[in-house]
Amino acid sequence: MDSSPSLKDQINDLSEIAKESAKNILSGKRAIADDNIVSFRLNLCEACEFYVKDQSRCKKCGCFMKAKTKMFVAKCPINKW
Protein backbone atom coordinates (compact mmCIF):
# COMPACT_ATOMS: atom_id res chain seq x y z
CA MET A 1 0.00 0.00 0.00
CA ASP A 2 1.79 3.12 -1.13
CA SER A 3 1.27 6.43 0.69
CA SER A 4 -0.31 4.71 3.69
CA PRO A 5 0.26 6.19 7.15
CA SER A 6 3.19 5.05 9.25
CA LEU A 7 2.76 2.14 11.60
CA LYS A 8 3.08 4.59 14.51
CA ASP A 9 0.19 6.69 13.15
CA GLN A 10 -1.92 3.57 12.61
CA ILE A 11 -1.29 2.44 16.19
CA ASN A 12 -2.16 5.91 17.53
CA ASP A 13 -5.44 5.89 15.59
CA LEU A 14 -6.36 2.43 16.89
CA SER A 15 -5.38 3.45 20.40
CA GLU A 16 -7.79 6.39 20.27
CA ILE A 17 -10.59 4.16 19.00
CA ALA A 18 -9.89 1.69 21.81
CA LYS A 19 -9.91 4.46 24.46
CA GLU A 20 -13.18 5.91 23.21
CA SER A 21 -14.74 2.45 22.96
CA ALA A 22 -13.69 1.70 26.55
CA LYS A 23 -15.24 4.98 27.73
CA ASN A 24 -18.49 4.05 25.98
CA ILE A 25 -18.53 0.59 27.54
CA LEU A 26 -17.81 1.93 31.03
CA SER A 27 -20.59 4.52 30.74
CA GLY A 28 -23.09 1.97 29.44
CA LYS A 29 -23.03 3.22 25.85
CA ARG A 30 -22.51 1.09 22.78
CA ALA A 31 -19.07 0.14 21.49
CA ILE A 32 -20.09 -1.94 18.47
CA ALA A 33 -22.09 -0.47 15.59
CA ASP A 34 -25.26 -2.21 14.52
CA ASP A 35 -25.40 -4.10 11.21
CA ASN A 36 -27.06 -1.22 9.33
CA ILE A 37 -24.30 1.22 10.29
CA VAL A 38 -21.59 -1.30 9.44
CA SER A 39 -23.13 -2.00 6.04
CA PHE A 40 -23.53 1.72 5.29
CA ARG A 41 -19.92 2.47 6.24
CA LEU A 42 -18.46 -0.50 4.38
CA ASN A 43 -20.41 0.38 1.22
CA LEU A 44 -18.95 3.88 1.31
CA CYS A 45 -15.47 2.50 1.86
CA GLU A 46 -15.74 0.00 -0.97
CA ALA A 47 -16.69 2.80 -3.38
CA CYS A 48 -13.85 5.07 -2.21
CA GLU A 49 -10.69 5.73 -4.22
CA PHE A 50 -8.57 5.02 -1.11
CA TYR A 51 -10.00 1.53 -0.54
CA VAL A 52 -7.69 -1.39 -1.32
CA LYS A 53 -10.13 -4.14 -2.22
CA ASP A 54 -7.84 -7.18 -2.08
CA GLN A 55 -6.78 -6.22 1.46
CA SER A 56 -10.03 -4.57 2.61
CA ARG A 57 -7.87 -1.69 3.84
CA CYS A 58 -7.91 2.08 3.64
CA LYS A 59 -4.85 3.84 2.19
CA LYS A 60 -5.55 6.92 4.30
CA CYS A 61 -5.68 5.35 7.76
CA GLY A 62 -4.23 1.90 7.04
CA CYS A 63 -7.08 0.18 8.89
CA PHE A 64 -8.73 -3.08 7.95
CA MET A 65 -12.18 -1.73 7.15
CA LYS A 66 -14.19 -4.87 7.90
CA ALA A 67 -13.07 -4.38 11.52
CA LYS A 68 -12.98 -0.58 11.77
CA THR A 69 -16.49 -0.10 10.39
CA LYS A 70 -17.81 -2.19 13.31
CA MET A 71 -16.38 0.13 15.96
CA PHE A 72 -19.16 2.55 16.90
CA VAL A 73 -16.81 5.46 17.72
CA ALA A 74 -14.56 5.01 14.66
CA LYS A 75 -14.51 7.68 11.99
CA CYS A 76 -13.51 7.80 8.36
CA PRO A 77 -10.20 9.68 7.92
CA ILE A 78 -11.73 11.75 5.10
CA ASN A 79 -15.12 12.22 6.80
CA LYS A 80 -17.24 10.04 4.51
CA TRP A 81 -18.88 8.51 7.60
PDB file of N, CA and C in Angstrom:
ATOM      1  N   MET A   1       0.854  -1.184   0.000  1.00  0.00           N
ATOM      2  CA  MET A   1       0.000   0.000   0.000  1.00  0.00           C
ATOM      3  C   MET A   1       0.888   1.232   0.000  1.00  0.00           C
ATOM      4  N   ASP A   2       0.988   1.924  -1.115  1.00  0.00           N
ATOM      5  CA  ASP A   2       1.794   3.122  -1.129  1.00  0.00           C
ATOM      6  C   ASP A   2       1.029   4.283  -0.516  1.00  0.00           C
ATOM      7  N   SER A   3       1.776   5.208   0.048  1.00  0.00           N
ATOM      8  CA  SER A   3       1.269   6.425   0.695  1.00  0.00           C
ATOM      9  C   SER A   3       0.341   6.150   1.872  1.00  0.00           C
ATOM     10  N   SER A   4       0.486   4.993   2.497  1.00  0.00           N
ATOM     11  CA  SER A   4      -0.310   4.714   3.691  1.00  0.00           C
ATOM     12  C   SER A   4       0.391   5.351   4.891  1.00  0.00           C
ATOM     13  N   PRO A   5      -0.353   5.580   5.971  1.00  0.00           N
ATOM     14  CA  PRO A   5       0.263   6.193   7.149  1.00  0.00           C
ATOM     15  C   PRO A   5       1.300   5.260   7.779  1.00  0.00           C
ATOM     16  N   SER A   6       2.169   5.854   8.573  1.00  0.00           N
ATOM     17  CA  SER A   6       3.188   5.052   9.249  1.00  0.00           C
ATOM     18  C   SER A   6       2.533   4.109  10.249  1.00  0.00           C
ATOM     19  N   LEU A   7       3.260   3.094  10.619  1.00  0.00           N
ATOM     20  CA  LEU A   7       2.762   2.142  11.601  1.00  0.00           C
ATOM     21  C   LEU A   7       2.461   2.858  12.917  1.00  0.00           C
ATOM     22  N   LYS A   8       3.294   3.807  13.278  1.00  0.00           N
ATOM     23  CA  LYS A   8       3.078   4.587  14.509  1.00  0.00           C
ATOM     24  C   LYS A   8       1.737   5.328  14.438  1.00  0.00           C
ATOM     25  N   ASP A   9       1.455   5.974  13.305  1.00  0.00           N
ATOM     26  CA  ASP A   9       0.186   6.690  13.149  1.00  0.00           C
ATOM     27  C   ASP A   9      -1.002   5.737  13.189  1.00  0.00           C
ATOM     28  N   GLN A  10      -0.847   4.561  12.589  1.00  0.00           N
ATOM     29  CA  GLN A  10      -1.921   3.569  12.611  1.00  0.00           C
ATOM     30  C   GLN A  10      -2.193   3.109  14.043  1.00  0.00           C
ATOM     31  N   ILE A  11      -1.137   2.872  14.802  1.00  0.00           N
ATOM     32  CA  ILE A  11      -1.287   2.442  16.194  1.00  0.00           C
ATOM     33  C   ILE A  11      -1.941   3.542  17.025  1.00  0.00           C
ATOM     34  N   ASN A  12      -1.549   4.788  16.804  1.00  0.00           N
ATOM     35  CA  ASN A  12      -2.156   5.907  17.528  1.00  0.00           C
ATOM     36  C   ASN A  12      -3.643   6.009  17.236  1.00  0.00           C
ATOM     37  N   ASP A  13      -4.028   5.832  15.982  1.00  0.00           N
ATOM     38  CA  ASP A  13      -5.440   5.885  15.595  1.00  0.00           C
ATOM     39  C   ASP A  13      -6.219   4.776  16.287  1.00  0.00           C
ATOM     40  N   LEU A  14      -5.690   3.564  16.247  1.00  0.00           N
ATOM     41  CA  LEU A  14      -6.363   2.429  16.886  1.00  0.00           C
ATOM     42  C   LEU A  14      -6.424   2.594  18.394  1.00  0.00           C
ATOM     43  N   SER A  15      -5.402   3.204  18.965  1.00  0.00           N
ATOM     44  CA  SER A  15      -5.380   3.447  20.401  1.00  0.00           C
ATOM     45  C   SER A  15      -6.502   4.407  20.798  1.00  0.00           C
ATOM     46  N   GLU A  16      -6.713   5.443  19.996  1.00  0.00           N
ATOM     47  CA  GLU A  16      -7.792   6.392  20.268  1.00  0.00           C
ATOM     48  C   GLU A  16      -9.159   5.725  20.163  1.00  0.00           C
ATOM     49  N   ILE A  17      -9.328   4.894  19.154  1.00  0.00           N
ATOM     50  CA  ILE A  17     -10.594   4.162  18.997  1.00  0.00           C
ATOM     51  C   ILE A  17     -10.820   3.261  20.213  1.00  0.00           C
ATOM     52  N   ALA A  18      -9.774   2.579  20.657  1.00  0.00           N
ATOM     53  CA  ALA A  18      -9.893   1.685  21.814  1.00  0.00           C
ATOM     54  C   ALA A  18     -10.250   2.476  23.069  1.00  0.00           C
ATOM     55  N   LYS A  19      -9.616   3.628  23.276  1.00  0.00           N
ATOM     56  CA  LYS A  19      -9.913   4.460  24.456  1.00  0.00           C
ATOM     57  C   LYS A  19     -11.362   4.934  24.447  1.00  0.00           C
ATOM     58  N   GLU A  20     -11.804   5.419  23.310  1.00  0.00           N
ATOM     59  CA  GLU A  20     -13.182   5.909  23.210  1.00  0.00           C
ATOM     60  C   GLU A  20     -14.189   4.776  23.362  1.00  0.00           C
ATOM     61  N   SER A  21     -13.863   3.615  22.820  1.00  0.00           N
ATOM     62  CA  SER A  21     -14.742   2.451  22.965  1.00  0.00           C
ATOM     63  C   SER A  21     -14.835   2.041  24.433  1.00  0.00           C
ATOM     64  N   ALA A  22     -13.702   2.048  25.122  1.00  0.00           N
ATOM     65  CA  ALA A  22     -13.695   1.697  26.550  1.00  0.00           C
ATOM     66  C   ALA A  22     -14.536   2.680  27.352  1.00  0.00           C
ATOM     67  N   LYS A  23     -14.419   3.973  27.048  1.00  0.00           N
ATOM     68  CA  LYS A  23     -15.242   4.978  27.733  1.00  0.00           C
ATOM     69  C   LYS A  23     -16.725   4.695  27.516  1.00  0.00           C
ATOM     70  N   ASN A  24     -17.084   4.365  26.278  1.00  0.00           N
ATOM     71  CA  ASN A  24     -18.488   4.045  25.984  1.00  0.00           C
ATOM     72  C   ASN A  24     -18.958   2.838  26.787  1.00  0.00           C
ATOM     73  N   ILE A  25     -18.158   1.803  26.815  1.00  0.00           N
ATOM     74  CA  ILE A  25     -18.531   0.588  27.541  1.00  0.00           C
ATOM     75  C   ILE A  25     -18.707   0.895  29.028  1.00  0.00           C
ATOM     76  N   LEU A  26     -17.753   1.625  29.599  1.00  0.00           N
ATOM     77  CA  LEU A  26     -17.813   1.932  31.025  1.00  0.00           C
ATOM     78  C   LEU A  26     -18.991   2.825  31.390  1.00  0.00           C
ATOM     79  N   SER A  27     -19.448   3.638  30.456  1.00  0.00           N
ATOM     80  CA  SER A  27     -20.585   4.519  30.738  1.00  0.00           C
ATOM     81  C   SER A  27     -21.913   3.916  30.270  1.00  0.00           C
ATOM     82  N   GLY A  28     -21.870   2.660  29.837  1.00  0.00           N
ATOM     83  CA  GLY A  28     -23.095   1.975  29.435  1.00  0.00           C
ATOM     84  C   GLY A  28     -23.550   2.274  28.019  1.00  0.00           C
ATOM     85  N   LYS A  29     -22.699   2.918  27.244  1.00  0.00           N
ATOM     86  CA  LYS A  29     -23.028   3.222  25.847  1.00  0.00           C
ATOM     87  C   LYS A  29     -22.508   2.099  24.955  1.00  0.00           C
ATOM     88  N   ARG A  30     -22.913   2.152  23.711  1.00  0.00           N
ATOM     89  CA  ARG A  30     -22.513   1.094  22.780  1.00  0.00           C
ATOM     90  C   ARG A  30     -21.072   1.277  22.307  1.00  0.00           C
ATOM     91  N   ALA A  31     -20.429   0.150  22.022  1.00  0.00           N
ATOM     92  CA  ALA A  31     -19.069   0.140  21.487  1.00  0.00           C
ATOM     93  C   ALA A  31     -19.054  -0.424  20.076  1.00  0.00           C
ATOM     94  N   ILE A  32     -20.018  -1.292  19.781  1.00  0.00           N
ATOM     95  CA  ILE A  32     -20.086  -1.942  18.470  1.00  0.00           C
ATOM     96  C   ILE A  32     -21.271  -1.361  17.697  1.00  0.00           C
ATOM     97  N   ALA A  33     -21.030  -1.012  16.451  1.00  0.00           N
ATOM     98  CA  ALA A  33     -22.089  -0.465  15.593  1.00  0.00           C
ATOM     99  C   ALA A  33     -23.043  -1.572  15.178  1.00  0.00           C
ATOM    100  N   ASP A  34     -24.303  -1.202  14.971  1.00  0.00           N
ATOM    101  CA  ASP A  34     -25.263  -2.211  14.515  1.00  0.00           C
ATOM    102  C   ASP A  34     -25.020  -2.526  13.036  1.00  0.00           C
ATOM    103  N   ASP A  35     -25.636  -3.598  12.569  1.00  0.00           N
ATOM    104  CA  ASP A  35     -25.399  -4.100  11.209  1.00  0.00           C
ATOM    105  C   ASP A  35     -25.704  -3.077  10.129  1.00  0.00           C
ATOM    106  N   ASN A  36     -26.717  -2.240  10.329  1.00  0.00           N
ATOM    107  CA  ASN A  36     -27.058  -1.215   9.327  1.00  0.00           C
ATOM    108  C   ASN A  36     -25.948  -0.178   9.193  1.00  0.00           C
ATOM    109  N   ILE A  37     -25.398   0.242  10.317  1.00  0.00           N
ATOM    110  CA  ILE A  37     -24.303   1.221  10.288  1.00  0.00           C
ATOM    111  C   ILE A  37     -23.071   0.603   9.634  1.00  0.00           C
ATOM    112  N   VAL A  38     -22.752  -0.616  10.017  1.00  0.00           N
ATOM    113  CA  VAL A  38     -21.585  -1.304   9.444  1.00  0.00           C
ATOM    114  C   VAL A  38     -21.727  -1.426   7.926  1.00  0.00           C
ATOM    115  N   SER A  39     -22.881  -1.839   7.472  1.00  0.00           N
ATOM    116  CA  SER A  39     -23.129  -2.000   6.041  1.00  0.00           C
ATOM    117  C   SER A  39     -23.014  -0.662   5.312  1.00  0.00           C
ATOM    118  N   PHE A  40     -23.600   0.383   5.888  1.00  0.00           N
ATOM    119  CA  PHE A  40     -23.530   1.720   5.293  1.00  0.00           C
ATOM    120  C   PHE A  40     -22.077   2.174   5.161  1.00  0.00           C
ATOM    121  N   ARG A  41     -21.321   2.044   6.244  1.00  0.00           N
ATOM    122  CA  ARG A  41     -19.920   2.466   6.239  1.00  0.00           C
ATOM    123  C   ARG A  41     -19.103   1.660   5.236  1.00  0.00           C
ATOM    124  N   LEU A  42     -19.255   0.353   5.267  1.00  0.00           N
ATOM    125  CA  LEU A  42     -18.462  -0.502   4.382  1.00  0.00           C
ATOM    126  C   LEU A  42     -18.782  -0.241   2.916  1.00  0.00           C
ATOM    127  N   ASN A  43     -20.040   0.026   2.599  1.00  0.00           N
ATOM    128  CA  ASN A  43     -20.407   0.375   1.218  1.00  0.00           C
ATOM    129  C   ASN A  43     -19.715   1.648   0.767  1.00  0.00           C
ATOM    130  N   LEU A  44     -19.660   2.646   1.650  1.00  0.00           N
ATOM    131  CA  LEU A  44     -18.953   3.883   1.307  1.00  0.00           C
ATOM    132  C   LEU A  44     -17.467   3.617   1.105  1.00  0.00           C
ATOM    133  N   CYS A  45     -16.893   2.820   1.978  1.00  0.00           N
ATOM    134  CA  CYS A  45     -15.470   2.498   1.858  1.00  0.00           C
ATOM    135  C   CYS A  45     -15.171   1.781   0.544  1.00  0.00           C
ATOM    136  N   GLU A  46     -15.987   0.794   0.227  1.00  0.00           N
ATOM    137  CA  GLU A  46     -15.737  -0.003  -0.975  1.00  0.00           C
ATOM    138  C   GLU A  46     -15.849   0.818  -2.257  1.00  0.00           C
ATOM    139  N   ALA A  47     -16.562   1.934  -2.214  1.00  0.00           N
ATOM    140  CA  ALA A  47     -16.688   2.802  -3.381  1.00  0.00           C
ATOM    141  C   ALA A  47     -15.633   3.915  -3.395  1.00  0.00           C
ATOM    142  N   CYS A  48     -14.819   3.984  -2.369  1.00  0.00           N
ATOM    143  CA  CYS A  48     -13.847   5.072  -2.206  1.00  0.00           C
ATOM    144  C   CYS A  48     -12.557   4.788  -2.976  1.00  0.00           C
ATOM    145  N   GLU A  49     -11.950   5.850  -3.467  1.00  0.00           N
ATOM    146  CA  GLU A  49     -10.695   5.731  -4.218  1.00  0.00           C
ATOM    147  C   GLU A  49      -9.520   5.294  -3.335  1.00  0.00           C
ATOM    148  N   PHE A  50      -9.653   5.399  -2.016  1.00  0.00           N
ATOM    149  CA  PHE A  50      -8.571   5.020  -1.115  1.00  0.00           C
ATOM    150  C   PHE A  50      -8.716   3.599  -0.574  1.00  0.00           C
ATOM    151  N   TYR A  51      -9.751   2.895  -1.006  1.00  0.00           N
ATOM    152  CA  TYR A  51     -10.000   1.534  -0.536  1.00  0.00           C
ATOM    153  C   TYR A  51      -9.185   0.544  -1.352  1.00  0.00           C
ATOM    154  N   VAL A  52      -8.484  -0.345  -0.665  1.00  0.00           N
ATOM    155  CA  VAL A  52      -7.695  -1.388  -1.317  1.00  0.00           C
ATOM    156  C   VAL A  52      -8.491  -2.685  -1.183  1.00  0.00           C
ATOM    157  N   LYS A  53      -9.167  -3.040  -2.254  1.00  0.00           N
ATOM    158  CA  LYS A  53     -10.128  -4.141  -2.220  1.00  0.00           C
ATOM    159  C   LYS A  53      -9.522  -5.474  -1.798  1.00  0.00           C
ATOM    160  N   ASP A  54      -8.395  -5.856  -2.371  1.00  0.00           N
ATOM    161  CA  ASP A  54      -7.836  -7.180  -2.078  1.00  0.00           C
ATOM    162  C   ASP A  54      -7.349  -7.314  -0.636  1.00  0.00           C
ATOM    163  N   GLN A  55      -7.197  -6.192   0.063  1.00  0.00           N
ATOM    164  CA  GLN A  55      -6.783  -6.217   1.460  1.00  0.00           C
ATOM    165  C   GLN A  55      -7.893  -5.737   2.404  1.00  0.00           C
ATOM    166  N   SER A  56      -8.955  -5.193   1.838  1.00  0.00           N
ATOM    167  CA  SER A  56     -10.031  -4.571   2.613  1.00  0.00           C
ATOM    168  C   SER A  56      -9.475  -3.524   3.573  1.00  0.00           C
ATOM    169  N   ARG A  57      -8.545  -2.715   3.027  1.00  0.00           N
ATOM    170  CA  ARG A  57      -7.872  -1.690   3.836  1.00  0.00           C
ATOM    171  C   ARG A  57      -8.044  -0.309   3.215  1.00  0.00           C
ATOM    172  N   CYS A  58      -7.862   0.690   4.066  1.00  0.00           N
ATOM    173  CA  CYS A  58      -7.907   2.082   3.638  1.00  0.00           C
ATOM    174  C   CYS A  58      -6.482   2.606   3.501  1.00  0.00           C
ATOM    175  N   LYS A  59      -6.181   3.252   2.380  1.00  0.00           N
ATOM    176  CA  LYS A  59      -4.853   3.836   2.186  1.00  0.00           C
ATOM    177  C   LYS A  59      -4.625   5.044   3.080  1.00  0.00           C
ATOM    178  N   LYS A  60      -5.691   5.712   3.485  1.00  0.00           N
ATOM    179  CA  LYS A  60      -5.549   6.919   4.304  1.00  0.00           C
ATOM    180  C   LYS A  60      -5.220   6.610   5.752  1.00  0.00           C
ATOM    181  N   CYS A  61      -5.912   5.653   6.349  1.00  0.00           N
ATOM    182  CA  CYS A  61      -5.678   5.355   7.765  1.00  0.00           C
ATOM    183  C   CYS A  61      -4.928   4.035   7.966  1.00  0.00           C
ATOM    184  N   GLY A  62      -4.919   3.178   6.948  1.00  0.00           N
ATOM    185  CA  GLY A  62      -4.234   1.899   7.040  1.00  0.00           C
ATOM    186  C   GLY A  62      -5.043   0.806   7.720  1.00  0.00           C
ATOM    187  N   CYS A  63      -6.256   1.138   8.149  1.00  0.00           N
ATOM    188  CA  CYS A  63      -7.078   0.176   8.893  1.00  0.00           C
ATOM    189  C   CYS A  63      -7.695  -0.887   7.990  1.00  0.00           C
ATOM    190  N   PHE A  64      -7.962  -2.026   8.604  1.00  0.00           N
ATOM    191  CA  PHE A  64      -8.733  -3.075   7.951  1.00  0.00           C
ATOM    192  C   PHE A  64     -10.196  -2.699   8.145  1.00  0.00           C
ATOM    193  N   MET A  65     -10.876  -2.366   7.057  1.00  0.00           N
ATOM    194  CA  MET A  65     -12.182  -1.733   7.148  1.00  0.00           C
ATOM    195  C   MET A  65     -13.301  -2.654   7.610  1.00  0.00           C
ATOM    196  N   LYS A  66     -13.155  -3.949   7.399  1.00  0.00           N
ATOM    197  CA  LYS A  66     -14.188  -4.869   7.897  1.00  0.00           C
ATOM    198  C   LYS A  66     -14.216  -4.853   9.422  1.00  0.00           C
ATOM    199  N   ALA A  67     -13.115  -4.506  10.056  1.00  0.00           N
ATOM    200  CA  ALA A  67     -13.069  -4.378  11.517  1.00  0.00           C
ATOM    201  C   ALA A  67     -13.408  -2.962  11.955  1.00  0.00           C
ATOM    202  N   LYS A  68     -12.790  -1.965  11.323  1.00  0.00           N
ATOM    203  CA  LYS A  68     -12.981  -0.581  11.772  1.00  0.00           C
ATOM    204  C   LYS A  68     -14.429  -0.124  11.644  1.00  0.00           C
ATOM    205  N   THR A  69     -15.109  -0.549  10.594  1.00  0.00           N
ATOM    206  CA  THR A  69     -16.490  -0.101  10.395  1.00  0.00           C
ATOM    207  C   THR A  69     -17.425  -0.614  11.486  1.00  0.00           C
ATOM    208  N   LYS A  70     -16.992  -1.632  12.228  1.00  0.00           N
ATOM    209  CA  LYS A  70     -17.810  -2.188  13.314  1.00  0.00           C
ATOM    210  C   LYS A  70     -17.662  -1.410  14.626  1.00  0.00           C
ATOM    211  N   MET A  71     -16.620  -0.614  14.732  1.00  0.00           N
ATOM    212  CA  MET A  71     -16.384   0.131  15.962  1.00  0.00           C
ATOM    213  C   MET A  71     -17.252   1.394  15.953  1.00  0.00           C
ATOM    214  N   PHE A  72     -18.174   1.474  16.891  1.00  0.00           N
ATOM    215  CA  PHE A  72     -19.157   2.554  16.905  1.00  0.00           C
ATOM    216  C   PHE A  72     -18.509   3.948  16.873  1.00  0.00           C
ATOM    217  N   VAL A  73     -17.433   4.145  17.611  1.00  0.00           N
ATOM    218  CA  VAL A  73     -16.811   5.464  17.717  1.00  0.00           C
ATOM    219  C   VAL A  73     -15.833   5.776  16.587  1.00  0.00           C
ATOM    220  N   ALA A  74     -15.520   4.800  15.740  1.00  0.00           N
ATOM    221  CA  ALA A  74     -14.555   5.006  14.659  1.00  0.00           C
ATOM    222  C   ALA A  74     -15.081   6.018  13.649  1.00  0.00           C
ATOM    223  N   LYS A  75     -14.149   6.684  12.995  1.00  0.00           N
ATOM    224  CA  LYS A  75     -14.508   7.685  11.991  1.00  0.00           C
ATOM    225  C   LYS A  75     -13.670   7.473  10.739  1.00  0.00           C
ATOM    226  N   CYS A  76     -14.240   7.833   9.618  1.00  0.00           N
ATOM    227  CA  CYS A  76     -13.511   7.804   8.356  1.00  0.00           C
ATOM    228  C   CYS A  76     -12.468   8.924   8.360  1.00  0.00           C
ATOM    229  N   PRO A  77     -11.244   8.649   7.906  1.00  0.00           N
ATOM    230  CA  PRO A  77     -10.203   9.680   7.921  1.00  0.00           C
ATOM    231  C   PRO A  77     -10.486  10.831   6.948  1.00  0.00           C
ATOM    232  N   ILE A  78     -11.397  10.643   6.009  1.00  0.00           N
ATOM    233  CA  ILE A  78     -11.732  11.748   5.100  1.00  0.00           C
ATOM    234  C   ILE A  78     -13.210  12.133   5.243  1.00  0.00           C
ATOM    235  N   ASN A  79     -13.767  11.794   6.391  1.00  0.00           N
ATOM    236  CA  ASN A  79     -15.118  12.225   6.799  1.00  0.00           C
ATOM    237  C   ASN A  79     -16.257  11.772   5.870  1.00  0.00           C
ATOM    238  N   LYS A  80     -16.140  10.581   5.309  1.00  0.00           N
ATOM    239  CA  LYS A  80     -17.240  10.043   4.508  1.00  0.00           C
ATOM    240  C   LYS A  80     -18.298   9.418   5.405  1.00  0.00           C
ATOM    241  N   TRP A  81     -17.924   9.030   6.616  1.00  0.00           N
ATOM    242  CA  TRP A  81     -18.879   8.511   7.599  1.00  0.00           C
ATOM    243  C   TRP A  81     -18.386   8.811   8.997  1.00  0.00           C
TER     244      TRP A  81
END
